[in-house]
Amino acid sequence: MSNHLRGDVDLQMSGESLVMCYDWEAIGRLVTELGKDFDSQISAASIDFDLPVLAIALSIGLEKHQPGRFPPKAIMDLSPPVITMIEGIQKAITVAFHGSMEVSGEQSSNPLKILLKFLRKILWDWWRTPSKG
């Protein structure tokens, strides 16, 4: 169970309830692994479906409460739902920077949230469209 006051966020992955947290150490690792513009890197990876970058970000966020269990390679092998993982990363980073009050409020002005809604619609429409082959 997560503690939002400590920056924890619940995440469901492969049928398991996990806790994600980007504490200061995790943010430092994001900077080391993805650069000072890690938030832009994660946003770009979400748009471009750069799954190795998303796996790195997810692995770092899971490390505090599940040490050593989910290196990026293990996440790639599990192949969890992409949009769900993007939302989890985004929510945990929001809690890290703004605290838990921001997560419970409406975030309609958040560009990543708008992008995720758009991607969901595109993927849903694509999935429902019969193949032309």
Protein backbone atom coordinates (compact mmCIF):
# COMPACT_ATOMS: atom_id res chain seq x y z
CA MET A 1 0.00 0.00 0.00
CA SER A 2 1.36 3.36 -0.96
CA ASN A 3 1.86 6.39 1.26
CA HIS A 4 1.20 9.53 -0.81
CA LEU A 5 2.75 11.70 1.89
CA ARG A 6 6.09 9.99 1.17
CA GLY A 7 5.57 10.24 -2.58
CA ASP A 8 4.45 6.65 -3.13
CA VAL A 9 2.06 5.75 -5.95
CA ASP A 10 0.29 2.41 -6.51
CA LEU A 11 0.89 0.61 -9.79
CA GLN A 12 -0.55 -2.63 -11.15
CA MET A 13 1.90 -4.60 -13.28
CA SER A 14 1.59 -8.21 -14.37
CA GLY A 15 -1.21 -8.84 -11.91
CA GLU A 16 0.84 -7.58 -8.98
CA SER A 17 0.29 -4.47 -6.84
CA LEU A 18 3.52 -2.49 -6.73
CA VAL A 19 4.59 0.83 -5.24
CA MET A 20 6.44 3.40 -7.33
CA CYS A 21 8.33 6.35 -5.88
CA TYR A 22 10.60 9.01 -7.32
CA ASP A 23 12.34 10.22 -4.19
CA TRP A 24 15.39 12.47 -4.44
CA GLU A 25 17.67 9.50 -5.01
CA ALA A 26 15.47 8.22 -7.85
CA ILE A 27 15.34 11.69 -9.41
CA GLY A 28 19.13 11.77 -9.26
CA ARG A 29 19.23 8.42 -11.07
CA LEU A 30 16.84 9.75 -13.73
CA VAL A 31 19.19 12.69 -14.28
CA THR A 32 22.18 10.33 -14.48
CA GLU A 33 20.52 7.83 -16.84
CA LEU A 34 18.39 10.14 -19.02
CA GLY A 35 19.95 13.59 -18.58
CA LYS A 36 18.92 16.83 -16.90
CA ASP A 37 15.93 17.01 -19.23
CA PHE A 38 14.71 13.56 -18.12
CA ASP A 39 11.11 14.77 -18.02
CA SER A 40 11.33 15.79 -21.68
CA GLN A 41 13.03 12.48 -22.49
CA ILE A 42 10.20 10.55 -20.81
CA SER A 43 7.56 12.66 -22.61
CA ALA A 44 9.28 12.08 -25.95
CA ALA A 45 9.59 8.36 -25.20
CA SER A 46 5.85 8.29 -24.48
CA ILE A 47 5.05 9.90 -27.82
CA ASP A 48 7.55 7.83 -29.82
CA PHE A 49 6.92 4.58 -27.92
CA ASP A 50 10.62 4.42 -27.04
CA LEU A 51 10.07 1.45 -24.76
CA PRO A 52 13.69 1.06 -23.55
CA VAL A 53 13.60 4.62 -22.16
CA LEU A 54 10.23 3.98 -20.52
CA ALA A 55 11.60 0.74 -19.02
CA ILE A 56 14.53 2.66 -17.51
CA ALA A 57 12.19 5.27 -15.98
CA LEU A 58 9.85 2.59 -14.67
CA SER A 59 12.72 0.55 -13.23
CA ILE A 60 14.09 3.58 -11.36
CA GLY A 61 10.64 4.39 -9.94
CA LEU A 62 10.12 0.83 -8.70
CA GLU A 63 13.59 0.39 -7.18
CA LYS A 64 12.89 1.91 -3.73
CA HIS A 65 10.13 -0.53 -2.76
CA GLN A 66 11.08 -3.50 -4.95
CA PRO A 67 14.91 -3.35 -4.92
CA GLY A 68 16.53 -5.34 -7.71
CA ARG A 69 13.28 -6.96 -8.89
CA PHE A 70 12.62 -4.89 -11.98
CA PRO A 71 15.70 -3.93 -13.98
CA PRO A 72 14.83 -2.48 -17.41
CA LYS A 73 15.43 -5.84 -19.14
CA ALA A 74 12.93 -7.57 -16.82
CA ILE A 75 10.34 -4.89 -17.57
CA MET A 76 10.91 -5.31 -21.31
CA ASP A 77 10.46 -9.08 -20.89
CA LEU A 78 7.22 -8.60 -18.90
CA SER A 79 5.84 -6.23 -21.57
CA PRO A 80 3.30 -4.49 -19.31
CA PRO A 81 0.56 -2.32 -20.87
CA VAL A 82 2.35 0.73 -22.29
CA ILE A 83 -0.27 3.40 -21.58
CA THR A 84 -0.81 2.17 -18.01
CA MET A 85 2.93 2.34 -17.36
CA ILE A 86 3.20 5.83 -18.89
CA GLU A 87 0.37 7.02 -16.65
CA GLY A 88 2.05 5.47 -13.60
CA ILE A 89 5.37 7.15 -14.36
CA GLN A 90 3.66 10.49 -14.97
CA LYS A 91 1.64 10.26 -11.76
CA ALA A 92 4.68 9.31 -9.65
CA ILE A 93 6.78 12.15 -11.09
CA THR A 94 3.93 14.59 -10.42
CA VAL A 95 3.79 13.44 -6.78
CA ALA A 96 7.57 13.81 -6.50
CA PHE A 97 7.52 17.41 -7.70
CA HIS A 98 4.15 18.72 -6.51
CA GLY A 99 3.12 16.46 -3.63
CA SER A 100 0.08 14.26 -3.30
CA MET A 101 -2.49 17.07 -3.45
CA GLU A 102 -1.75 17.64 -7.17
CA VAL A 103 -2.46 14.00 -8.02
CA SER A 104 -5.95 14.02 -6.52
CA GLY A 105 -6.95 17.18 -8.43
CA GLU A 106 -7.86 17.48 -12.08
CA GLN A 107 -4.82 17.72 -14.33
CA SER A 108 -6.49 18.52 -17.61
CA SER A 109 -3.87 21.19 -18.39
CA ASN A 110 -1.01 18.66 -18.09
CA PRO A 111 0.35 18.16 -21.63
CA LEU A 112 1.36 14.54 -20.97
CA LYS A 113 -2.14 13.75 -19.69
CA ILE A 114 -3.66 15.29 -22.83
CA LEU A 115 -1.21 13.32 -25.00
CA LEU A 116 -2.08 10.06 -23.25
CA LYS A 117 -5.78 10.65 -23.81
CA PHE A 118 -5.06 11.32 -27.50
CA LEU A 119 -2.88 8.20 -27.82
CA ARG A 120 -5.57 6.06 -26.19
CA LYS A 121 -8.11 7.29 -28.71
CA ILE A 122 -5.78 6.67 -31.66
CA LEU A 123 -4.86 3.18 -30.47
CA TRP A 124 -8.50 2.32 -29.75
CA ASP A 125 -9.59 3.55 -33.19
CA TRP A 126 -6.73 1.67 -34.86
CA TRP A 127 -7.58 -1.53 -33.00
CA ARG A 128 -11.29 -1.32 -33.93
CA THR A 129 -10.63 -0.63 -37.62
CA PRO A 130 -10.75 -3.81 -39.70
CA SER A 131 -7.58 -4.58 -41.65
CA LYS A 132 -7.65 -3.74 -45.33
CA GLY A 133 -5.55 -6.74 -46.33
